[in-house]
Amino acid sequence: MALMTKIAAPGDKLAHLSACIDRVAEHRDKAAFAELFDHYAPLIRSYSLAREPGADLVADELVQEVMTRVWLKAEKYNARLANLNTWIFTLARNCRIDYLRRNSRYVTEIDPTDIFNDIEDEGPGPFQLAQQSRVQQSIRAGLEQLPKEQSEILTKVYLEGKSHQQTSEELKLPLGTVKSRVRLALQKLEVLVTR
C-alpha cells in the first residue's frame, strides 16, 4: 500500500502544480507562481545547459525568460491540449531556439575560450548553491528512507565515487548483486525525491 502511495505522488504533484497555474491565470497569485518557479526553474535550467563557455549564464537567462512567459501566458494554458509539464517545456524549447537564433547572428573570429581563460572562476553562484542545497537535502532524505543495503551501496558508488567492482569487493557481494541494488535503489530514490 505504501508503494502505491509513493508511485501516485508524482501525479499528485502535477495536479497541485496545475492548480497553481490556474491560480496564476485567474488571480495572478504570486504564491502559486513561486511554487511553479521553485519546481520548474531547476528543471528548465538543467534542460537548458549546454557544454559551452558561459552555459550557466545562458541557462539562468533562459529560466528567467521561460518563467516570465509562464507568468504572462498562464491564461493561455489549456489542460485539455497538454499537461502542464509539456506546456512549460514547449515554452522552454521555444525560448532556447529563439535564444540560439538571436545569438547565432553575431559570429566572430574571437575564440570564446580565450576570453574565459583570463577570468577566474569564483565558484557557483547563489542560484546554483540554493539549488544544490535543495537537491542534497532531498537526496539525503531519500537515502534515509531506503533499505540499509541499498543506501550503503548508493553511498559508496555515488558519494564516495567507487566503481561497482570496488563496491562489490569491499562489501563482499557479487558484482551482479551490486548492480541490481544500485538500479533498484535509484528507481526507489527517484520516486522518493520527486514526491
N, C-alpha and C. Protein backbone atom coordinates (compact mmCIF):
# COMPACT_ATOMS: atom_id res chain seq x y z
N MET A 1 0.82 -1.19 0.00
CA MET A 1 0.00 0.00 0.00
C MET A 1 0.87 1.26 0.00
N ALA A 2 1.98 1.23 0.79
CA ALA A 2 2.86 2.40 0.85
C ALA A 2 3.51 2.65 -0.50
N LEU A 3 3.87 1.57 -1.21
CA LEU A 3 4.49 1.73 -2.52
C LEU A 3 3.52 2.38 -3.50
N MET A 4 2.24 2.02 -3.44
CA MET A 4 1.26 2.62 -4.33
C MET A 4 1.14 4.12 -4.05
N THR A 5 1.23 4.51 -2.78
CA THR A 5 1.16 5.92 -2.42
C THR A 5 2.34 6.67 -3.00
N LYS A 6 3.53 6.05 -2.91
CA LYS A 6 4.74 6.68 -3.43
C LYS A 6 4.67 6.84 -4.94
N ILE A 7 4.15 5.84 -5.61
CA ILE A 7 4.06 5.89 -7.07
C ILE A 7 3.03 6.94 -7.49
N ALA A 8 1.96 7.08 -6.73
CA ALA A 8 0.91 8.04 -7.09
C ALA A 8 1.32 9.48 -6.82
N ALA A 9 2.34 9.67 -5.98
CA ALA A 9 2.73 11.02 -5.57
C ALA A 9 3.09 11.95 -6.73
N PRO A 10 3.88 11.52 -7.75
CA PRO A 10 4.20 12.47 -8.82
C PRO A 10 2.97 13.01 -9.53
N GLY A 11 1.92 12.21 -9.70
CA GLY A 11 0.68 12.68 -10.30
C GLY A 11 0.00 13.71 -9.41
N ASP A 12 0.06 13.47 -8.09
CA ASP A 12 -0.49 14.44 -7.15
C ASP A 12 0.26 15.76 -7.26
N LYS A 13 1.57 15.70 -7.43
CA LYS A 13 2.38 16.91 -7.57
C LYS A 13 1.97 17.66 -8.83
N LEU A 14 1.79 16.93 -9.94
CA LEU A 14 1.38 17.57 -11.19
C LEU A 14 0.00 18.21 -11.04
N ALA A 15 -0.91 17.54 -10.34
CA ALA A 15 -2.24 18.11 -10.11
C ALA A 15 -2.12 19.39 -9.29
N HIS A 16 -1.27 19.38 -8.28
CA HIS A 16 -1.06 20.57 -7.46
C HIS A 16 -0.48 21.71 -8.31
N LEU A 17 0.51 21.39 -9.14
CA LEU A 17 1.12 22.42 -10.00
C LEU A 17 0.11 22.95 -11.02
N SER A 18 -0.75 22.08 -11.52
CA SER A 18 -1.80 22.53 -12.44
C SER A 18 -2.77 23.48 -11.75
N ALA A 19 -3.05 23.20 -10.48
CA ALA A 19 -3.90 24.12 -9.72
C ALA A 19 -3.19 25.46 -9.53
N CYS A 20 -1.87 25.41 -9.37
CA CYS A 20 -1.09 26.66 -9.22
C CYS A 20 -1.17 27.50 -10.49
N ILE A 21 -1.05 26.86 -11.66
CA ILE A 21 -1.10 27.63 -12.91
C ILE A 21 -2.49 28.24 -13.09
N ASP A 22 -3.51 27.52 -12.64
CA ASP A 22 -4.87 28.07 -12.71
C ASP A 22 -5.00 29.32 -11.82
N ARG A 23 -4.40 29.26 -10.62
CA ARG A 23 -4.46 30.42 -9.72
C ARG A 23 -3.68 31.60 -10.29
N VAL A 24 -2.57 31.32 -10.98
CA VAL A 24 -1.80 32.39 -11.61
C VAL A 24 -2.62 33.01 -12.73
N ALA A 25 -3.25 32.16 -13.54
CA ALA A 25 -4.03 32.65 -14.68
C ALA A 25 -5.24 33.48 -14.23
N GLU A 26 -5.93 33.01 -13.21
CA GLU A 26 -7.17 33.66 -12.79
C GLU A 26 -6.97 34.84 -11.84
N HIS A 27 -5.99 34.70 -10.93
CA HIS A 27 -5.87 35.70 -9.86
C HIS A 27 -4.48 36.34 -9.77
N ARG A 28 -3.60 35.99 -10.70
CA ARG A 28 -2.21 36.48 -10.63
C ARG A 28 -1.63 36.23 -9.24
N ASP A 29 -1.85 35.01 -8.76
CA ASP A 29 -1.43 34.59 -7.42
C ASP A 29 0.10 34.42 -7.38
N LYS A 30 0.78 35.30 -6.65
CA LYS A 30 2.24 35.28 -6.60
C LYS A 30 2.77 34.07 -5.83
N ALA A 31 2.06 33.63 -4.82
CA ALA A 31 2.49 32.45 -4.06
C ALA A 31 2.42 31.20 -4.94
N ALA A 32 1.38 31.10 -5.74
CA ALA A 32 1.26 29.96 -6.66
C ALA A 32 2.37 30.02 -7.70
N PHE A 33 2.68 31.21 -8.19
CA PHE A 33 3.77 31.34 -9.16
C PHE A 33 5.10 30.98 -8.53
N ALA A 34 5.28 31.33 -7.26
CA ALA A 34 6.52 30.98 -6.56
C ALA A 34 6.68 29.47 -6.48
N GLU A 35 5.58 28.75 -6.25
CA GLU A 35 5.64 27.29 -6.23
C GLU A 35 6.02 26.75 -7.60
N LEU A 36 5.43 27.31 -8.65
CA LEU A 36 5.78 26.89 -10.01
C LEU A 36 7.26 27.17 -10.28
N PHE A 37 7.71 28.34 -9.88
CA PHE A 37 9.11 28.72 -10.11
C PHE A 37 10.05 27.76 -9.38
N ASP A 38 9.77 27.49 -8.10
CA ASP A 38 10.62 26.60 -7.32
C ASP A 38 10.70 25.20 -7.93
N HIS A 39 9.60 24.74 -8.48
CA HIS A 39 9.58 23.40 -9.07
C HIS A 39 10.25 23.37 -10.45
N TYR A 40 9.87 24.32 -11.31
CA TYR A 40 10.31 24.24 -12.70
C TYR A 40 11.66 24.90 -13.00
N ALA A 41 12.06 25.91 -12.25
CA ALA A 41 13.30 26.62 -12.57
C ALA A 41 14.51 25.68 -12.63
N PRO A 42 14.72 24.81 -11.63
CA PRO A 42 15.88 23.91 -11.72
C PRO A 42 15.78 22.93 -12.90
N LEU A 43 14.57 22.50 -13.20
CA LEU A 43 14.38 21.56 -14.31
C LEU A 43 14.66 22.25 -15.65
N ILE A 44 14.18 23.47 -15.81
CA ILE A 44 14.42 24.22 -17.04
C ILE A 44 15.90 24.53 -17.17
N ARG A 45 16.52 24.88 -16.06
CA ARG A 45 17.95 25.20 -16.07
C ARG A 45 18.75 23.98 -16.53
N SER A 46 18.45 22.83 -16.00
CA SER A 46 19.14 21.60 -16.41
C SER A 46 18.90 21.31 -17.89
N TYR A 47 17.67 21.50 -18.31
CA TYR A 47 17.30 21.28 -19.71
C TYR A 47 18.06 22.24 -20.63
N SER A 48 18.32 23.45 -20.16
CA SER A 48 18.91 24.49 -20.99
C SER A 48 20.43 24.44 -21.05
N LEU A 49 21.05 23.75 -20.12
CA LEU A 49 22.52 23.77 -20.07
C LEU A 49 23.13 23.12 -21.30
N ALA A 50 24.16 23.74 -21.81
CA ALA A 50 24.94 23.21 -22.92
C ALA A 50 26.39 23.19 -22.48
N ARG A 51 27.19 22.41 -23.15
CA ARG A 51 28.60 22.32 -22.77
C ARG A 51 29.42 23.34 -23.57
N GLU A 52 29.26 24.60 -23.21
CA GLU A 52 29.99 25.68 -23.84
C GLU A 52 30.31 26.72 -22.79
N PRO A 53 31.30 27.57 -23.07
CA PRO A 53 31.60 28.62 -22.09
C PRO A 53 30.39 29.52 -21.87
N GLY A 54 30.16 29.85 -20.62
CA GLY A 54 29.04 30.73 -20.29
C GLY A 54 27.70 30.04 -20.25
N ALA A 55 27.68 28.71 -20.30
CA ALA A 55 26.41 27.97 -20.35
C ALA A 55 25.55 28.24 -19.12
N ASP A 56 26.18 28.42 -17.95
CA ASP A 56 25.41 28.69 -16.74
C ASP A 56 24.64 29.99 -16.86
N LEU A 57 25.28 31.00 -17.41
CA LEU A 57 24.61 32.30 -17.58
C LEU A 57 23.45 32.18 -18.57
N VAL A 58 23.68 31.44 -19.65
CA VAL A 58 22.63 31.23 -20.65
C VAL A 58 21.45 30.50 -20.01
N ALA A 59 21.75 29.46 -19.24
CA ALA A 59 20.68 28.68 -18.61
C ALA A 59 19.88 29.54 -17.65
N ASP A 60 20.56 30.36 -16.85
CA ASP A 60 19.85 31.24 -15.91
C ASP A 60 18.98 32.25 -16.66
N GLU A 61 19.50 32.78 -17.77
CA GLU A 61 18.74 33.74 -18.57
C GLU A 61 17.50 33.07 -19.17
N LEU A 62 17.66 31.83 -19.63
CA LEU A 62 16.53 31.11 -20.21
C LEU A 62 15.47 30.79 -19.16
N VAL A 63 15.91 30.45 -17.95
CA VAL A 63 14.95 30.19 -16.87
C VAL A 63 14.10 31.43 -16.64
N GLN A 64 14.76 32.59 -16.56
CA GLN A 64 14.03 33.83 -16.34
C GLN A 64 13.04 34.10 -17.47
N GLU A 65 13.50 33.88 -18.70
CA GLU A 65 12.63 34.14 -19.86
C GLU A 65 11.43 33.19 -19.88
N VAL A 66 11.68 31.91 -19.62
CA VAL A 66 10.59 30.92 -19.64
C VAL A 66 9.58 31.22 -18.53
N MET A 67 10.08 31.48 -17.32
CA MET A 67 9.16 31.71 -16.21
C MET A 67 8.41 33.04 -16.38
N THR A 68 9.01 34.00 -17.04
CA THR A 68 8.29 35.24 -17.36
C THR A 68 7.15 34.93 -18.33
N ARG A 69 7.44 34.09 -19.32
CA ARG A 69 6.38 33.71 -20.26
C ARG A 69 5.27 32.93 -19.57
N VAL A 70 5.64 32.07 -18.60
CA VAL A 70 4.63 31.33 -17.85
C VAL A 70 3.71 32.33 -17.14
N TRP A 71 4.30 33.35 -16.52
CA TRP A 71 3.51 34.36 -15.80
C TRP A 71 2.59 35.11 -16.77
N LEU A 72 3.15 35.51 -17.91
CA LEU A 72 2.38 36.33 -18.85
C LEU A 72 1.34 35.53 -19.63
N LYS A 73 1.61 34.26 -19.88
CA LYS A 73 0.72 33.46 -20.73
C LYS A 73 -0.06 32.40 -19.95
N ALA A 74 -0.09 32.48 -18.65
CA ALA A 74 -0.76 31.45 -17.83
C ALA A 74 -2.20 31.23 -18.27
N GLU A 75 -2.89 32.31 -18.64
CA GLU A 75 -4.31 32.16 -19.03
C GLU A 75 -4.46 31.42 -20.35
N LYS A 76 -3.39 31.30 -21.12
CA LYS A 76 -3.46 30.58 -22.40
C LYS A 76 -3.25 29.08 -22.24
N TYR A 77 -2.82 28.64 -21.05
CA TYR A 77 -2.63 27.21 -20.82
C TYR A 77 -3.97 26.50 -20.85
N ASN A 78 -4.04 25.40 -21.60
CA ASN A 78 -5.26 24.62 -21.73
C ASN A 78 -4.94 23.17 -21.38
N ALA A 79 -5.42 22.72 -20.25
CA ALA A 79 -5.12 21.36 -19.77
C ALA A 79 -5.66 20.28 -20.70
N ARG A 80 -6.66 20.61 -21.54
CA ARG A 80 -7.20 19.61 -22.47
C ARG A 80 -6.24 19.36 -23.62
N LEU A 81 -5.39 20.32 -23.93
CA LEU A 81 -4.46 20.17 -25.06
C LEU A 81 -3.13 19.53 -24.65
N ALA A 82 -2.66 19.80 -23.44
CA ALA A 82 -1.38 19.24 -22.98
C ALA A 82 -1.32 19.35 -21.46
N ASN A 83 -0.51 18.44 -20.85
CA ASN A 83 -0.34 18.60 -19.41
C ASN A 83 0.63 19.74 -19.16
N LEU A 84 0.71 20.17 -17.92
CA LEU A 84 1.49 21.35 -17.57
C LEU A 84 2.97 21.18 -17.92
N ASN A 85 3.52 20.00 -17.64
CA ASN A 85 4.94 19.76 -17.95
C ASN A 85 5.20 19.97 -19.44
N THR A 86 4.35 19.42 -20.27
CA THR A 86 4.52 19.53 -21.72
C THR A 86 4.45 20.99 -22.15
N TRP A 87 3.49 21.72 -21.62
CA TRP A 87 3.32 23.13 -21.99
C TRP A 87 4.55 23.95 -21.60
N ILE A 88 5.02 23.77 -20.36
CA ILE A 88 6.16 24.56 -19.89
C ILE A 88 7.44 24.19 -20.64
N PHE A 89 7.65 22.90 -20.90
CA PHE A 89 8.87 22.53 -21.61
C PHE A 89 8.80 22.88 -23.09
N THR A 90 7.60 23.03 -23.64
CA THR A 90 7.48 23.56 -25.00
C THR A 90 7.89 25.03 -25.01
N LEU A 91 7.45 25.78 -23.99
CA LEU A 91 7.90 27.17 -23.86
C LEU A 91 9.43 27.22 -23.73
N ALA A 92 9.99 26.32 -22.92
CA ALA A 92 11.44 26.30 -22.71
C ALA A 92 12.17 26.00 -24.02
N ARG A 93 11.67 25.03 -24.76
CA ARG A 93 12.30 24.68 -26.04
C ARG A 93 12.25 25.87 -26.99
N ASN A 94 11.10 26.51 -27.06
CA ASN A 94 10.96 27.66 -27.96
C ASN A 94 11.85 28.82 -27.54
N CYS A 95 11.94 29.06 -26.24
CA CYS A 95 12.83 30.13 -25.75
C CYS A 95 14.28 29.82 -26.09
N ARG A 96 14.66 28.57 -25.94
CA ARG A 96 16.05 28.18 -26.24
C ARG A 96 16.33 28.35 -27.73
N ILE A 97 15.41 27.95 -28.57
CA ILE A 97 15.58 28.12 -30.02
C ILE A 97 15.68 29.60 -30.35
N ASP A 98 14.79 30.41 -29.78
CA ASP A 98 14.84 31.86 -30.01
C ASP A 98 16.18 32.43 -29.57
N TYR A 99 16.65 32.01 -28.41
CA TYR A 99 17.93 32.50 -27.90
C TYR A 99 19.07 32.13 -28.86
N LEU A 100 19.09 30.88 -29.30
CA LEU A 100 20.16 30.44 -30.20
C LEU A 100 20.09 31.18 -31.53
N ARG A 101 18.90 31.41 -32.03
CA ARG A 101 18.76 32.17 -33.29
C ARG A 101 19.25 33.61 -33.11
N ARG A 102 18.83 34.23 -32.01
CA ARG A 102 19.23 35.62 -31.75
C ARG A 102 20.74 35.76 -31.67
N ASN A 103 21.39 34.82 -31.04
CA ASN A 103 22.81 34.94 -30.76
C ASN A 103 23.71 34.30 -31.81
N SER A 104 23.14 33.59 -32.76
CA SER A 104 23.99 32.99 -33.80
C SER A 104 24.32 33.99 -34.89
N ARG A 105 23.62 35.14 -34.92
CA ARG A 105 23.89 36.17 -35.93
C ARG A 105 25.26 36.80 -35.72
N TYR A 106 25.69 36.80 -34.48
CA TYR A 106 26.92 37.51 -34.16
C TYR A 106 28.11 36.55 -34.14
N VAL A 107 28.56 36.17 -35.32
CA VAL A 107 29.70 35.27 -35.44
C VAL A 107 30.96 36.12 -35.42
N THR A 108 31.95 35.69 -34.68
CA THR A 108 33.17 36.45 -34.54
C THR A 108 34.38 35.54 -34.70
N GLU A 109 35.51 36.14 -34.95
CA GLU A 109 36.75 35.39 -35.09
C GLU A 109 37.40 35.13 -33.73
N ILE A 110 36.86 35.72 -32.69
CA ILE A 110 37.43 35.56 -31.35
C ILE A 110 37.01 34.21 -30.79
N ASP A 111 37.99 33.50 -30.27
CA ASP A 111 37.71 32.21 -29.64
C ASP A 111 37.19 32.48 -28.23
N PRO A 112 35.95 32.09 -27.92
CA PRO A 112 35.38 32.40 -26.61
C PRO A 112 36.17 31.78 -25.46
N THR A 113 36.87 30.69 -25.72
CA THR A 113 37.64 30.08 -24.63
C THR A 113 38.81 30.96 -24.23
N ASP A 114 39.35 31.77 -25.16
CA ASP A 114 40.43 32.70 -24.82
C ASP A 114 39.94 33.75 -23.84
N ILE A 115 38.73 34.22 -24.01
CA ILE A 115 38.17 35.24 -23.13
C ILE A 115 38.01 34.68 -21.72
N PHE A 116 37.52 33.44 -21.61
CA PHE A 116 37.22 32.88 -20.31
C PHE A 116 38.45 32.33 -19.60
N ASN A 117 39.57 32.16 -20.31
CA ASN A 117 40.78 31.68 -19.66
C ASN A 117 41.35 32.71 -18.70
N ASP A 118 41.13 34.00 -18.97
CA ASP A 118 41.66 35.06 -18.12
C ASP A 118 40.78 35.36 -16.93
N ILE A 119 39.59 34.83 -16.91
CA ILE A 119 38.65 35.11 -15.82
C ILE A 119 38.74 33.99 -14.80
N GLU A 120 38.93 34.37 -13.56
CA GLU A 120 38.98 33.36 -12.51
C GLU A 120 37.57 32.95 -12.15
N ASP A 121 37.40 31.66 -11.95
CA ASP A 121 36.09 31.15 -11.55
C ASP A 121 35.90 31.43 -10.07
N GLU A 122 34.85 32.14 -9.75
CA GLU A 122 34.58 32.49 -8.37
C GLU A 122 33.69 31.45 -7.69
N GLY A 123 33.49 30.31 -8.34
CA GLY A 123 32.67 29.27 -7.76
C GLY A 123 31.22 29.42 -8.19
N PRO A 124 30.38 28.56 -7.68
CA PRO A 124 28.97 28.59 -8.06
C PRO A 124 28.28 29.85 -7.56
N GLY A 125 27.30 30.29 -8.34
CA GLY A 125 26.51 31.46 -7.98
C GLY A 125 25.45 31.11 -6.97
N PRO A 126 24.73 32.10 -6.48
CA PRO A 126 23.71 31.87 -5.45
C PRO A 126 22.59 30.95 -5.93
N PHE A 127 22.22 31.07 -7.20
CA PHE A 127 21.17 30.20 -7.74
C PHE A 127 21.62 28.75 -7.67
N GLN A 128 22.87 28.50 -8.10
CA GLN A 128 23.40 27.14 -8.09
C GLN A 128 23.52 26.60 -6.67
N LEU A 129 23.99 27.43 -5.75
CA LEU A 129 24.14 26.98 -4.36
C LEU A 129 22.80 26.64 -3.73
N ALA A 130 21.79 27.46 -3.97
CA ALA A 130 20.46 27.18 -3.42
C ALA A 130 19.90 25.90 -4.01
N GLN A 131 20.04 25.73 -5.33
CA GLN A 131 19.53 24.53 -5.97
C GLN A 131 20.29 23.30 -5.48
N GLN A 132 21.60 23.42 -5.36
CA GLN A 132 22.42 22.30 -4.90
C GLN A 132 22.02 21.90 -3.49
N SER A 133 21.77 22.87 -2.64
CA SER A 133 21.36 22.59 -1.27
C SER A 133 20.02 21.87 -1.22
N ARG A 134 19.05 22.32 -2.04
CA ARG A 134 17.74 21.65 -2.08
C ARG A 134 17.86 20.22 -2.58
N VAL A 135 18.68 20.02 -3.60
CA VAL A 135 18.85 18.66 -4.15
C VAL A 135 19.52 17.77 -3.11
N GLN A 136 20.55 18.28 -2.43
CA GLN A 136 21.24 17.48 -1.42
C GLN A 136 20.30 17.09 -0.29
N GLN A 137 19.48 18.03 0.18
CA GLN A 137 18.53 17.73 1.25
C GLN A 137 17.54 16.66 0.80
N SER A 138 17.07 16.79 -0.41
CA SER A 138 16.10 15.83 -0.95
C SER A 138 16.73 14.44 -1.08
N ILE A 139 17.96 14.39 -1.56
CA ILE A 139 18.64 13.10 -1.73
C ILE A 139 18.95 12.48 -0.38
N ARG A 140 19.41 13.28 0.58
CA ARG A 140 19.68 12.74 1.92
C ARG A 140 18.42 12.14 2.53
N ALA A 141 17.31 12.86 2.39
CA ALA A 141 16.05 12.36 2.93
C ALA A 141 15.65 11.06 2.23
N GLY A 142 15.86 11.01 0.92
CA GLY A 142 15.55 9.79 0.17
C GLY A 142 16.43 8.63 0.58
N LEU A 143 17.73 8.89 0.78
CA LEU A 143 18.66 7.83 1.19
C LEU A 143 18.27 7.25 2.55
N GLU A 144 17.80 8.11 3.45
CA GLU A 144 17.39 7.64 4.77
C GLU A 144 16.17 6.73 4.71
N GLN A 145 15.35 6.87 3.67
CA GLN A 145 14.15 6.05 3.54
C GLN A 145 14.40 4.72 2.82
N LEU A 146 15.58 4.59 2.20
CA LEU A 146 15.90 3.35 1.50
C LEU A 146 16.33 2.27 2.50
N PRO A 147 16.18 0.99 2.11
CA PRO A 147 16.74 -0.07 2.95
C PRO A 147 18.25 0.12 3.10
N LYS A 148 18.79 -0.31 4.23
CA LYS A 148 20.20 -0.07 4.56
C LYS A 148 21.15 -0.55 3.47
N GLU A 149 20.93 -1.75 2.93
CA GLU A 149 21.86 -2.29 1.93
C GLU A 149 21.86 -1.45 0.64
N GLN A 150 20.70 -0.90 0.28
CA GLN A 150 20.63 -0.06 -0.92
C GLN A 150 21.26 1.32 -0.66
N SER A 151 20.98 1.88 0.49
CA SER A 151 21.55 3.18 0.85
C SER A 151 23.07 3.09 0.92
N GLU A 152 23.57 2.00 1.49
CA GLU A 152 25.02 1.81 1.63
C GLU A 152 25.69 1.72 0.26
N ILE A 153 25.08 1.00 -0.66
CA ILE A 153 25.66 0.84 -2.00
C ILE A 153 25.64 2.17 -2.75
N LEU A 154 24.53 2.91 -2.70
CA LEU A 154 24.48 4.22 -3.38
C LEU A 154 25.51 5.18 -2.79
N THR A 155 25.69 5.13 -1.48
CA THR A 155 26.69 6.00 -0.84
C THR A 155 28.08 5.69 -1.37
N LYS A 156 28.41 4.41 -1.47
CA LYS A 156 29.74 4.03 -1.94
C LYS A 156 29.94 4.40 -3.41
N VAL A 157 28.95 4.12 -4.23
CA VAL A 157 29.10 4.34 -5.67
C VAL A 157 29.05 5.82 -6.02
N TYR A 158 28.08 6.55 -5.48
CA TYR A 158 27.87 7.93 -5.92
C TYR A 158 28.50 8.98 -5.02
N LEU A 159 28.52 8.75 -3.72
CA LEU A 159 29.09 9.76 -2.84
C LEU A 159 30.59 9.55 -2.62
N GLU A 160 31.02 8.29 -2.56
CA GLU A 160 32.44 8.01 -2.38
C GLU A 160 33.15 7.83 -3.73
N GLY A 161 32.39 7.72 -4.81
CA GLY A 161 32.97 7.64 -6.15
C GLY A 161 33.61 6.30 -6.48
N LYS A 162 33.19 5.25 -5.84
CA LYS A 162 33.76 3.92 -6.09
C LYS A 162 33.04 3.25 -7.26
N SER A 163 33.78 2.42 -7.97
CA SER A 163 33.18 1.68 -9.08
C SER A 163 32.31 0.56 -8.52
N HIS A 164 31.50 -0.02 -9.40
CA HIS A 164 30.69 -1.16 -8.97
C HIS A 164 31.59 -2.31 -8.53
N GLN A 165 32.70 -2.51 -9.24
CA GLN A 165 33.64 -3.59 -8.91
C GLN A 165 34.26 -3.35 -7.53
N GLN A 166 34.71 -2.13 -7.26
CA GLN A 166 35.30 -1.82 -5.95
C GLN A 166 34.28 -2.01 -4.84
N THR A 167 33.05 -1.60 -5.08
CA THR A 167 31.99 -1.76 -4.09
C THR A 167 31.72 -3.24 -3.85
N SER A 168 31.71 -4.01 -4.92
CA SER A 168 31.50 -5.45 -4.83
C SER A 168 32.57 -6.10 -3.96
N GLU A 169 33.82 -5.74 -4.21
CA GLU A 169 34.92 -6.32 -3.44
C GLU A 169 34.87 -5.87 -1.98
N GLU A 170 34.58 -4.60 -1.76
CA GLU A 170 34.56 -4.07 -0.40
C GLU A 170 33.44 -4.68 0.44
N LEU A 171 32.28 -4.86 -0.16
CA LEU A 171 31.13 -5.42 0.58
C LEU A 171 31.04 -6.93 0.48
N LYS A 172 31.96 -7.52 -0.29
CA LYS A 172 31.99 -8.98 -0.49
C LYS A 172 30.65 -9.50 -1.03
N LEU A 173 30.17 -8.79 -2.08
CA LEU A 173 28.93 -9.15 -2.75
C LEU A 173 29.24 -9.42 -4.22
N PRO A 174 28.46 -10.29 -4.87
CA PRO A 174 28.66 -10.48 -6.32
C PRO A 174 28.41 -9.17 -7.07
N LEU A 175 29.14 -8.97 -8.16
CA LEU A 175 29.03 -7.75 -8.95
C LEU A 175 27.59 -7.55 -9.44
N GLY A 176 26.94 -8.62 -9.86
CA GLY A 176 25.55 -8.53 -10.34
C GLY A 176 24.61 -8.04 -9.25
N THR A 177 24.84 -8.45 -8.02
CA THR A 177 24.01 -8.01 -6.89
C THR A 177 24.18 -6.52 -6.65
N VAL A 178 25.44 -6.05 -6.73
CA VAL A 178 25.70 -4.63 -6.54
C VAL A 178 24.98 -3.82 -7.62
N LYS A 179 25.10 -4.25 -8.87
CA LYS A 179 24.46 -3.53 -9.97
C LYS A 179 22.94 -3.53 -9.82
N SER A 180 22.37 -4.67 -9.41
CA SER A 180 20.92 -4.76 -9.23
C SER A 180 20.45 -3.84 -8.11
N ARG A 181 21.20 -3.82 -7.01
CA ARG A 181 20.81 -2.97 -5.88
C ARG A 181 20.92 -1.49 -6.25
N VAL A 182 21.95 -1.14 -7.02
CA VAL A 182 22.09 0.25 -7.46
C VAL A 182 20.89 0.64 -8.31
N ARG A 183 20.54 -0.21 -9.28
CA ARG A 183 19.42 0.09 -10.17
C ARG A 183 18.12 0.22 -9.39
N LEU A 184 17.86 -0.73 -8.49
CA LEU A 184 16.63 -0.72 -7.70
C LEU A 184 16.60 0.50 -6.77
N ALA A 185 17.73 0.79 -6.14
CA ALA A 185 17.80 1.93 -5.22
C ALA A 185 17.57 3.24 -5.96
N LEU A 186 18.14 3.38 -7.17
CA LEU A 186 17.94 4.60 -7.95
C LEU A 186 16.47 4.78 -8.33
N GLN A 187 15.82 3.66 -8.67
CA GLN A 187 14.40 3.74 -9.01
C GLN A 187 13.58 4.19 -7.80
N LYS A 188 13.86 3.60 -6.64
CA LYS A 188 13.14 3.99 -5.43
C LYS A 188 13.45 5.43 -5.05
N LEU A 189 14.73 5.81 -5.17
CA LEU A 189 15.15 7.17 -4.81
C LEU A 189 14.47 8.19 -5.70
N GLU A 190 14.32 7.87 -6.99
CA GLU A 190 13.66 8.79 -7.92
C GLU A 190 12.22 9.04 -7.49
N VAL A 191 11.53 7.99 -7.07
CA VAL A 191 10.15 8.14 -6.61
C VAL A 191 10.11 8.96 -5.32
N LEU A 192 11.06 8.70 -4.41
CA LEU A 192 11.07 9.41 -3.14
C LEU A 192 11.44 10.88 -3.31
N VAL A 193 12.38 11.18 -4.20
CA VAL A 193 12.85 12.55 -4.37
C VAL A 193 11.84 13.40 -5.12
N THR A 194 11.07 12.82 -6.05
CA THR A 194 10.12 13.60 -6.84
C THR A 194 8.79 13.81 -6.12
N ARG A 195 8.62 13.22 -4.95
CA ARG A 195 7.37 13.40 -4.21
C ARG A 195 7.17 14.81 -3.80
